[in-house]
Protein backbone atom coordinates (compact mmCIF):
# COMPACT_ATOMS: atom_id res chain seq x y z
CA MET A 1 9.69 15.54 20.31
CA THR A 2 9.78 13.56 23.53
CA GLU A 3 6.28 14.41 24.34
CA GLY A 4 5.19 13.33 20.73
CA LYS A 5 6.89 9.92 21.27
CA SER A 6 5.31 9.41 24.66
CA PHE A 7 1.90 10.17 23.18
CA ARG A 8 2.33 7.72 20.27
CA ALA A 9 3.63 4.99 22.73
CA ARG A 10 0.42 5.53 24.92
CA SER A 11 -1.60 5.41 21.69
CA ALA A 12 0.02 2.12 20.60
CA ARG A 13 -0.84 0.60 24.16
CA ARG A 14 -4.46 1.77 23.80
CA VAL A 15 -4.61 0.26 20.31
CA ALA A 16 -3.39 -3.11 21.55
CA MET A 17 -5.73 -3.14 24.57
CA ALA A 18 -8.77 -2.28 22.40
CA ALA A 19 -7.89 -4.78 19.76
CA VAL A 20 -7.41 -7.58 22.34
CA SER A 21 -10.68 -6.64 23.96
CA VAL A 22 -12.65 -6.64 20.76
CA LEU A 23 -11.23 -9.81 19.47
CA PHE A 24 -11.64 -11.61 22.90
CA MET A 25 -15.39 -10.71 22.88
CA THR A 26 -15.81 -11.72 19.22
CA TRP A 27 -14.18 -15.08 19.81
CA LEU A 28 -16.44 -15.68 22.88
CA ILE A 29 -19.56 -15.07 20.75
CA ASP A 30 -18.08 -17.15 17.92
CA TYR A 31 -17.90 -20.17 20.31
CA ILE A 32 -21.28 -19.60 21.88
CA ASP A 33 -22.96 -19.46 18.43
CA ARG A 34 -21.00 -22.49 17.32
CA LEU A 35 -21.68 -24.74 20.36
CA VAL A 36 -25.33 -24.14 21.18
CA ILE A 37 -26.03 -27.05 18.91
CA THR A 38 -24.08 -29.50 21.09
CA LEU A 39 -26.60 -28.92 23.96
CA ALA A 40 -29.52 -28.94 21.52
CA LEU A 41 -28.57 -32.20 19.62
CA PRO A 42 -30.68 -34.62 21.67
CA ASP A 43 -33.69 -32.52 21.17
CA ILE A 44 -32.99 -32.07 17.52
CA GLY A 45 -32.48 -35.80 17.10
CA GLU A 46 -35.77 -36.49 18.86
CA GLU A 47 -37.65 -34.09 16.73
CA PHE A 48 -36.11 -35.21 13.42
CA GLY A 49 -35.90 -38.91 14.41
CA LEU A 50 -32.13 -38.97 14.25
CA GLY A 51 -29.69 -41.42 15.89
CA THR A 52 -26.23 -40.29 17.17
CA THR A 53 -24.61 -41.07 13.80
CA MET A 54 -26.78 -38.55 11.90
CA GLN A 55 -26.50 -36.07 14.86
CA GLY A 56 -22.77 -36.38 14.34
CA LEU A 57 -23.19 -35.75 10.61
CA ILE A 58 -24.83 -32.40 11.37
CA LEU A 59 -21.69 -31.37 13.46
CA THR A 60 -19.44 -32.64 10.74
CA ALA A 61 -21.25 -30.52 8.11
CA PHE A 62 -20.05 -27.44 9.92
CA PHE A 63 -16.47 -28.59 10.45
CA VAL A 64 -16.08 -29.62 6.72
CA THR A 65 -16.74 -26.10 5.43
CA TYR A 66 -15.13 -24.53 8.49
CA ALA A 67 -11.91 -26.40 7.78
CA ALA A 68 -12.02 -25.76 4.08
CA MET A 69 -12.25 -22.00 4.68
CA GLN A 70 -9.23 -21.77 6.88
CA ILE A 71 -6.74 -21.24 4.07
CA PRO A 72 -8.96 -19.15 1.81
CA GLY A 73 -9.84 -17.10 4.85
CA GLY A 74 -6.13 -16.47 5.43
CA ILE A 75 -5.55 -15.60 1.94
CA LEU A 76 -8.50 -13.24 1.93
CA ALA A 77 -7.10 -11.48 5.13
CA ASP A 78 -3.61 -11.22 3.76
CA THR A 79 -4.70 -9.83 0.47
CA ARG A 80 -7.89 -7.89 1.20
CA GLY A 81 -7.43 -6.81 4.79
CA THR A 82 -8.50 -8.10 8.13
CA ARG A 83 -11.39 -5.65 9.17
CA PRO A 84 -13.58 -6.34 6.09
CA THR A 85 -12.93 -10.09 6.34
CA MET A 86 -13.97 -10.22 10.06
CA LEU A 87 -17.14 -8.03 9.50
CA LEU A 88 -18.15 -10.34 6.59
CA ALA A 89 -17.46 -13.52 8.72
CA ALA A 90 -19.38 -12.26 11.80
CA GLY A 91 -22.30 -10.94 9.92
CA GLY A 92 -22.78 -14.15 7.91
CA TRP A 93 -22.45 -16.55 10.86
CA THR A 94 -24.93 -14.43 12.79
CA VAL A 95 -27.50 -14.81 9.94
CA PHE A 96 -27.03 -18.60 9.80
CA THR A 97 -27.06 -19.04 13.59
CA ALA A 98 -30.66 -17.67 13.46
CA ALA A 99 -31.27 -19.82 10.36
CA SER A 100 -30.46 -22.86 12.30
CA GLY A 101 -33.56 -22.43 14.29
CA LEU A 102 -35.63 -22.58 11.04
CA ALA A 103 -34.46 -26.07 9.95
CA ILE A 104 -37.31 -28.42 9.02
CA GLY A 105 -35.24 -31.72 8.78
CA LEU A 106 -31.82 -33.21 8.49
CA THR A 107 -31.08 -32.01 5.00
CA THR A 108 -31.88 -28.30 5.62
CA MET A 109 -29.99 -28.47 8.92
CA ILE A 110 -26.87 -29.86 7.25
CA VAL A 111 -27.00 -27.11 4.51
CA ILE A 112 -27.52 -24.40 7.16
CA ARG A 113 -24.67 -25.57 9.32
CA ALA A 114 -22.40 -25.95 6.30
CA VAL A 115 -22.97 -22.32 5.17
CA PHE A 116 -22.54 -21.24 8.83
CA GLY A 117 -19.18 -23.03 8.74
CA VAL A 118 -18.20 -21.03 5.60
CA PHE A 119 -18.62 -17.72 7.41
CA GLN A 120 -17.02 -18.86 10.67
CA GLY A 121 -14.15 -20.32 8.76
CA MET A 122 -13.11 -16.87 7.39
CA TYR A 123 -12.69 -15.42 10.82
CA PRO A 124 -9.77 -17.25 12.71
CA ALA A 125 -6.91 -16.28 10.28
CA ALA A 126 -8.20 -12.71 9.93
CA SER A 127 -8.28 -12.41 13.80
CA ILE A 128 -4.71 -13.70 13.96
CA LYS A 129 -3.36 -11.18 11.50
CA ALA A 130 -5.57 -8.34 13.05
CA LEU A 131 -3.69 -8.84 16.34
CA SER A 132 -0.32 -8.79 14.48
CA GLU A 133 -1.20 -5.47 12.96
CA ARG A 134 -2.20 -3.79 16.28
CA THR A 135 0.49 -4.97 18.69
CA THR A 136 4.21 -4.72 19.00
CA PRO A 137 6.44 -7.81 18.87
CA GLU A 138 6.88 -7.61 22.74
CA GLN A 139 3.16 -7.41 23.32
CA ARG A 140 2.06 -10.26 21.00
CA LEU A 141 2.61 -13.27 23.19
CA THR A 142 0.75 -11.70 26.09
CA ALA A 143 -2.00 -10.47 23.75
CA ASN A 144 -2.22 -13.92 22.23
CA GLY A 145 -2.54 -15.57 25.59
CA VAL A 146 -5.59 -13.36 26.38
CA MET A 147 -7.15 -13.81 23.01
CA SER A 148 -6.55 -17.57 22.93
CA ALA A 149 -8.07 -18.09 26.32
CA SER A 150 -11.35 -16.97 24.90
CA ASN A 151 -11.56 -20.34 22.99
CA PRO A 152 -11.76 -22.74 26.06
CA LEU A 153 -13.66 -20.10 27.98
CA GLY A 154 -16.21 -19.95 25.12
CA SER A 155 -16.44 -23.68 25.42
CA ALA A 156 -17.18 -23.31 29.06
CA ILE A 157 -19.71 -20.50 28.74
CA ALA A 158 -21.53 -21.84 25.77
CA PRO A 159 -23.42 -24.71 27.58
CA ILE A 160 -24.13 -22.42 30.56
CA VAL A 161 -25.68 -19.88 28.25
CA ALA A 162 -27.42 -22.55 25.99
CA ALA A 163 -29.01 -24.71 28.56
CA PRO A 164 -31.34 -22.18 30.12
CA LEU A 165 -32.20 -20.85 26.73
CA ILE A 166 -33.19 -24.30 25.50
CA VAL A 167 -35.26 -24.88 28.62
CA ALA A 168 -37.05 -21.58 28.30
CA PHE A 169 -37.56 -21.25 24.48
CA GLY A 170 -36.78 -24.74 23.08
CA TRP A 171 -33.85 -25.47 20.69
CA ARG A 172 -35.08 -23.28 17.98
CA GLY A 173 -35.46 -20.30 20.22
CA ALA A 174 -32.14 -20.79 21.72
CA PHE A 175 -30.53 -20.34 18.22
CA TRP A 176 -32.52 -17.06 17.71
CA ALA A 177 -31.66 -15.73 21.05
CA VAL A 178 -27.88 -16.17 20.68
CA SER A 179 -27.93 -14.72 17.24
CA VAL A 180 -28.68 -11.43 18.94
CA LEU A 181 -25.29 -11.66 20.54
CA GLY A 182 -23.77 -12.16 17.08
CA LEU A 183 -25.50 -8.93 15.93
CA LEU A 184 -24.07 -7.06 18.83
CA ILE A 185 -20.49 -8.36 18.10
CA VAL A 186 -20.84 -7.16 14.41
CA ILE A 187 -21.43 -3.59 15.78
CA VAL A 188 -18.52 -3.94 18.16
CA LEU A 189 -16.21 -5.02 15.38
CA TRP A 190 -17.33 -2.24 13.18
CA LYS A 191 -17.20 0.58 15.60
CA GLY A 192 -14.57 -0.69 18.19
CA MET A 193 -11.72 -2.22 16.24
CA PRO A 194 -8.88 0.32 16.10
CA LYS A 195 -6.88 0.94 13.00
CA PRO A 196 -3.44 -0.90 12.63
CA LEU A 197 -0.42 0.64 14.22
CA THR A 198 1.54 3.08 12.20
CA THR A 199 5.34 3.01 11.77
CA GLU A 200 5.57 6.00 14.10
CA GLU A 201 3.54 4.33 16.79
CA LEU A 202 5.63 1.14 16.58
CA ALA A 203 8.85 3.04 16.91
CA ALA A 204 7.60 5.08 19.88
CA ALA A 205 6.22 1.96 21.54
CA THR A 206 9.39 -0.18 21.14
CA GLY A 207 12.05 2.60 21.66
CA ARG A 208 13.85 1.55 18.57
CA PRO A 209 13.48 1.96 14.83
CA ALA A 210 10.38 0.03 13.92
CA PRO A 211 9.88 -2.31 11.07
CA GLU A 212 7.36 -1.52 8.44
CA PRO A 213 3.76 -2.08 9.58
CA VAL A 214 2.42 -5.52 8.71
CA ALA A 215 2.06 -5.61 4.93
CA GLN A 216 -0.48 -7.33 2.73
CA VAL A 217 1.04 -9.85 0.41
CA SER A 218 0.12 -10.87 -2.99
CA LEU A 219 -1.93 -14.03 -3.84
CA ARG A 220 1.30 -15.63 -5.39
CA GLN A 221 3.23 -14.93 -2.21
CA ALA A 222 0.46 -16.29 -0.01
CA MET A 223 0.20 -19.42 -2.14
CA GLY A 224 4.01 -19.98 -1.85
CA LEU A 225 3.54 -20.92 1.85
CA LEU A 226 1.21 -23.79 0.84
CA LYS A 227 4.08 -25.59 -0.76
CA SER A 228 5.88 -25.97 2.63
CA SER A 229 5.66 -29.57 3.82
CA MET A 230 7.02 -28.38 7.18
CA MET A 231 3.94 -26.21 7.80
CA TRP A 232 1.75 -29.30 6.89
CA ARG A 233 3.49 -31.21 9.54
CA PHE A 234 2.39 -28.73 12.11
CA THR A 235 -1.09 -29.06 10.65
CA LEU A 236 -0.88 -32.76 11.35
CA MET A 237 0.04 -32.08 14.92
CA PHE A 238 -2.78 -29.68 15.47
CA CYS A 239 -5.26 -32.17 13.92
CA GLY A 240 -4.36 -34.74 16.47
CA PHE A 241 -4.71 -32.25 19.31
CA ASN A 242 -8.14 -31.15 18.19
CA ILE A 243 -9.45 -34.55 17.65
CA ILE A 244 -9.52 -34.79 21.34
CA GLY A 245 -10.79 -31.28 21.99
CA TRP A 246 -13.61 -31.27 19.44
CA GLY A 247 -14.54 -34.81 20.41
CA LEU A 248 -15.04 -33.81 23.99
CA VAL A 249 -16.96 -30.56 23.28
CA SER A 250 -19.24 -32.30 20.81
CA TRP A 251 -20.29 -35.46 22.74
CA VAL A 252 -19.87 -34.91 26.44
CA PRO A 253 -23.19 -33.06 26.82
CA SER A 254 -25.19 -35.71 24.93
CA TYR A 255 -23.41 -38.40 26.99
CA LEU A 256 -24.28 -36.68 30.38
CA ARG A 257 -27.97 -36.33 29.31
CA GLU A 258 -28.47 -39.70 27.76
CA ASN A 259 -26.27 -42.11 29.75
CA LYS A 260 -25.90 -40.42 33.08
CA HIS A 261 -29.42 -38.76 33.11
CA VAL A 262 -28.15 -35.35 34.09
CA SER A 263 -30.65 -32.51 33.76
CA LEU A 264 -30.08 -30.12 30.88
CA THR A 265 -29.20 -27.26 33.39
CA GLY A 266 -26.82 -29.61 35.18
CA VAL A 267 -25.18 -30.60 31.89
CA GLY A 268 -24.61 -26.94 31.08
CA LEU A 269 -22.82 -26.44 34.46
CA MET A 270 -20.88 -29.68 34.51
CA SER A 271 -19.68 -29.69 30.90
CA GLY A 272 -18.21 -26.22 31.19
CA ILE A 273 -15.87 -27.11 34.13
CA PRO A 274 -13.15 -28.81 32.05
CA TRP A 275 -12.86 -25.77 29.70
CA VAL A 276 -12.26 -23.37 32.50
CA ALA A 277 -9.30 -25.58 33.46
CA ALA A 278 -8.20 -25.62 29.77
CA ALA A 279 -8.15 -21.82 29.64
CA ILE A 280 -6.01 -21.60 32.75
CA SER A 281 -3.67 -24.35 31.38
CA MET A 282 -3.35 -22.62 28.00
CA MET A 283 -1.92 -19.46 29.57
CA ALA A 284 0.23 -21.32 31.89
CA GLY A 285 1.54 -23.46 29.12
CA GLY A 286 2.65 -20.55 27.07
CA TYR A 287 4.58 -19.07 30.06
CA LEU A 288 6.23 -22.36 30.93
CA PHE A 289 7.36 -23.03 27.44
CA ASP A 290 8.85 -19.52 27.10
CA ARG A 291 10.57 -19.80 30.54
CA PHE A 292 11.97 -23.40 30.46
CA PHE A 293 11.42 -25.20 27.09
CA GLN A 294 12.34 -22.80 24.30
CA GLY A 295 13.71 -24.58 21.16
CA ASN A 296 12.35 -28.10 21.84
CA HIS A 297 8.60 -28.49 21.83
CA ARG A 298 8.95 -32.27 21.84
CA ARG A 299 9.81 -31.99 25.51
CA VAL A 300 6.36 -30.64 26.12
CA VAL A 301 4.15 -32.29 23.51
CA ILE A 302 5.17 -35.87 23.97
CA PRO A 303 4.76 -36.25 27.68
CA VAL A 304 1.72 -34.06 27.79
CA MET A 305 0.04 -36.36 25.17
CA LEU A 306 1.03 -39.44 26.95
CA VAL A 307 -0.34 -38.32 30.24
CA THR A 308 -3.52 -37.07 28.47
CA ALA A 309 -4.00 -40.49 26.99
CA GLY A 310 -3.82 -42.09 30.44
CA LEU A 311 -6.41 -39.58 31.83
CA LEU A 312 -8.75 -40.28 28.93
CA VAL A 313 -8.62 -43.91 29.80
CA MET A 314 -9.61 -43.13 33.27
CA MET A 315 -12.41 -40.87 32.08
CA VAL A 316 -13.89 -43.66 29.86
CA ARG A 317 -13.83 -46.05 32.99
CA ALA A 318 -15.56 -43.53 35.22
CA GLY A 319 -18.68 -44.87 36.98
CA SER A 320 -20.47 -41.56 37.58
CA ALA A 321 -20.99 -38.31 35.96
CA THR A 322 -19.05 -36.46 38.62
CA GLU A 323 -16.06 -38.87 38.24
CA PHE A 324 -16.31 -38.57 34.51
CA ILE A 325 -16.13 -34.71 34.56
CA ALA A 326 -13.31 -34.83 37.17
CA TRP A 327 -11.14 -37.04 34.93
CA GLU A 328 -12.10 -34.96 31.82
CA THR A 329 -11.00 -31.73 33.72
CA CYS A 330 -7.65 -33.38 34.62
CA GLY A 331 -7.24 -34.36 30.91
CA THR A 332 -7.94 -30.83 29.54
CA LEU A 333 -5.79 -29.26 32.34
CA VAL A 334 -2.86 -31.37 31.23
CA MET A 335 -3.56 -31.37 27.37
CA TYR A 336 -3.75 -27.51 26.94
CA LEU A 337 -0.35 -27.15 28.47
CA ALA A 338 0.83 -28.10 25.01
CA TYR A 339 -1.46 -25.91 22.96
CA MET A 340 0.91 -23.03 22.44
CA GLN A 341 3.70 -25.33 21.39
CA ILE A 342 1.41 -27.01 18.76
CA PHE A 343 -0.59 -24.07 17.40
CA GLY A 344 1.44 -21.10 18.31
CA LEU A 345 5.06 -22.07 17.68
CA PRO A 346 4.97 -22.07 13.80
CA LEU A 347 3.10 -18.78 13.79
CA ARG A 348 5.47 -17.22 16.27
CA MET A 349 8.38 -17.97 13.85
CA LEU A 350 6.56 -16.90 10.67
CA PRO A 351 7.03 -13.35 9.27
CA ALA A 352 4.00 -11.41 10.33
CA GLU A 353 2.81 -10.68 6.88
CA TYR A 354 2.14 -14.47 6.43
CA ALA A 355 0.14 -14.75 9.68
CA GLY A 356 -3.17 -15.05 7.84
CA VAL A 357 -2.39 -17.91 5.56
CA GLY A 358 0.01 -19.58 8.07
CA GLY A 359 -2.66 -19.51 10.72
CA GLY A 360 -5.17 -20.84 8.23
CA MET A 361 -2.87 -23.86 7.34
CA VAL A 362 -2.31 -24.85 10.90
CA ASN A 363 -5.92 -24.22 11.86
CA PHE A 364 -7.12 -26.29 8.82
CA GLY A 365 -5.74 -29.44 10.64
CA GLY A 366 -7.50 -28.59 13.87
CA GLN A 367 -10.79 -28.10 12.11
CA LEU A 368 -10.50 -31.13 9.95
CA ALA A 369 -10.31 -32.99 13.20
CA GLY A 370 -13.67 -31.31 14.01
CA ALA A 371 -15.07 -32.79 10.69
CA VAL A 372 -13.83 -36.33 11.71
CA SER A 373 -14.31 -36.61 15.43
CA PRO A 374 -18.09 -35.81 15.83
CA PHE A 375 -19.19 -38.20 13.02
CA VAL A 376 -16.88 -41.07 13.93
CA MET A 377 -17.79 -40.84 17.65
CA GLY A 378 -21.43 -40.59 16.86
CA PHE A 379 -21.22 -43.79 14.81
CA LEU A 380 -19.27 -45.57 17.58
CA ALA A 381 -21.75 -44.37 20.22
CA GLU A 382 -24.83 -45.60 18.23
CA HIS A 383 -23.44 -48.96 17.04
CA PHE A 384 -21.17 -49.85 20.07
CA SER A 385 -21.13 -47.51 23.11
CA TYR A 386 -20.07 -44.12 24.32
CA GLY A 387 -17.14 -45.84 25.88
CA ALA A 388 -15.96 -46.91 22.41
CA ALA A 389 -16.63 -43.37 21.12
CA PHE A 390 -14.47 -41.66 23.78
CA SER A 391 -11.72 -44.36 23.33
CA PHE A 392 -11.43 -42.94 19.78
CA LEU A 393 -9.81 -39.82 21.24
CA GLY A 394 -6.62 -41.80 21.83
CA ILE A 395 -5.90 -41.55 18.11
CA GLY A 396 -5.53 -37.82 18.62
CA CYS A 397 -2.71 -38.37 21.12
CA VAL A 398 -0.90 -40.52 18.76
CA LEU A 399 -1.10 -38.05 15.78
CA ALA A 400 0.03 -35.13 18.00
CA ILE A 401 3.08 -37.26 19.15
CA VAL A 402 3.96 -38.20 15.49
CA GLY A 403 3.62 -34.47 14.54
CA ALA A 404 5.97 -33.53 17.38
CA LEU A 405 8.59 -35.99 16.13
CA VAL A 406 8.58 -34.79 12.49
CA THR A 407 8.52 -31.07 13.00
CA PRO A 408 11.59 -28.84 13.31
CA GLN A 409 12.64 -28.01 16.91
CA THR A 410 14.58 -24.70 16.45
CA PRO A 411 13.95 -21.38 14.81
CA GLU A 412 16.97 -21.89 12.53
CA ALA A 413 15.65 -25.14 11.31
CA PHE A 414 12.23 -23.69 10.80
CA ARG A 415 13.53 -20.83 8.75
CA ALA A 416 15.74 -23.12 6.70
CA GLY A 417 12.75 -25.12 5.71
CA LEU A 418 10.61 -21.98 5.08
CA GLY A 419 13.27 -20.32 2.94
CA ARG A 420 12.76 -22.87 0.23
CA HIS A 421 9.31 -21.65 -0.45
CA LEU A 422 9.39 -17.86 0.72
CA ASP A 423 11.73 -14.96 -0.25
CA LEU A 424 13.16 -14.23 3.16
CA SER A 425 16.35 -12.53 1.86
CA HIS A 426 15.18 -9.18 3.25
CA LYS A 427 14.73 -10.74 6.75
CA THR A 428 18.11 -10.60 8.60
CA SER A 429 16.82 -11.92 11.83
CA THR A 430 14.28 -14.35 13.35
CA PRO A 431 10.82 -13.13 12.46
CA ASP A 432 9.05 -11.20 15.14
CA PRO A 433 6.61 -13.25 17.06
CA VAL A 434 3.25 -12.89 15.46
CA ALA A 435 -0.13 -13.22 17.24
CA VAL A 436 -1.45 -16.64 17.45
CA GLY A 437 -4.86 -17.79 18.34
CA ALA A 438 -7.16 -20.78 18.22
CA ALA A 439 -9.86 -21.93 16.40
């Protein structure tokens, strides 16, 4: 009996490690496929005769559908399963990554990027729930830290990968080349993603009677969470946070090329530096919150956003490309200390069976920011200056602070608000922390 439990415990650890590895790789490819266009925008604009406003509209087309699919993607994962949802998402976005290289003008590029956003929008909530199904409660925060780090690392790697591909093959060839990575990740998801943990594996891994494995919920139950104004307040906070993140990712490469006259290869290297800092900061922020700030995320979010706002001001005032990147790196290093408190906290307190739709709700705010930031900043850059465009990011700091002020600060307050919309009568304690990830 003891040997059997030991074997099941080792099996549970292997499942968790395999799941984290597969999801980490998939998120990296997701970001590379998504962000190639930020390096290619100046070349696309030159070929199609587009100013920065219309270039921003191309980016916004993706984020509109990407944001719109967050909640449907969560419902699909909660009601139909995570593995089929992730395979559909990765296969679809790979096809439309390649199709981006076939665009013949503004209209076709907007349509292609919009459909690309539909498929990528299915993935985040499914990946969140997939990690919940394959880890124990004690493993989930560590597993989340690793999986979530793939997001800023993807933002760092994408320009490094894209720049030489654009130099070698042109912007069209770059899309075709990175689509091969997408095809490989579909195969990895299909063959490498382990099955969810069983009740026996959970019990053996935790050393105590295990809860039932994470269940699928009905459509009615999933829709019940959408009635929670409290969850929408977390959505607002993440929207503010990501106005900054997506604004920087979208326009720093073009700014360095057009205003600072940095070579394309140099842009690829320089624009990745702040996101390496963000990955480190994200993991450190989760640890620091658990160690020192549990129960009051305002103590992290508000000061972090105030300092970030000051660093953005210094970035806008920078005189050289090197100084600009240095201040941006300081900004992302500080800003991502608050990531886990903004995106992860509500999902950590949700029952695991609602991880898909809950993640979709919060992530909707972050990706709505992606629909707003690129277009507004493109307009400001074209009609005023890049300084005005980057100054717009201060609005994100304000929204994140407002969100922190109106969201509950304790698990008890969170559950009290949630209980008005979900039947939690069978839950006698604080929900196990679920896996949380980014966008």
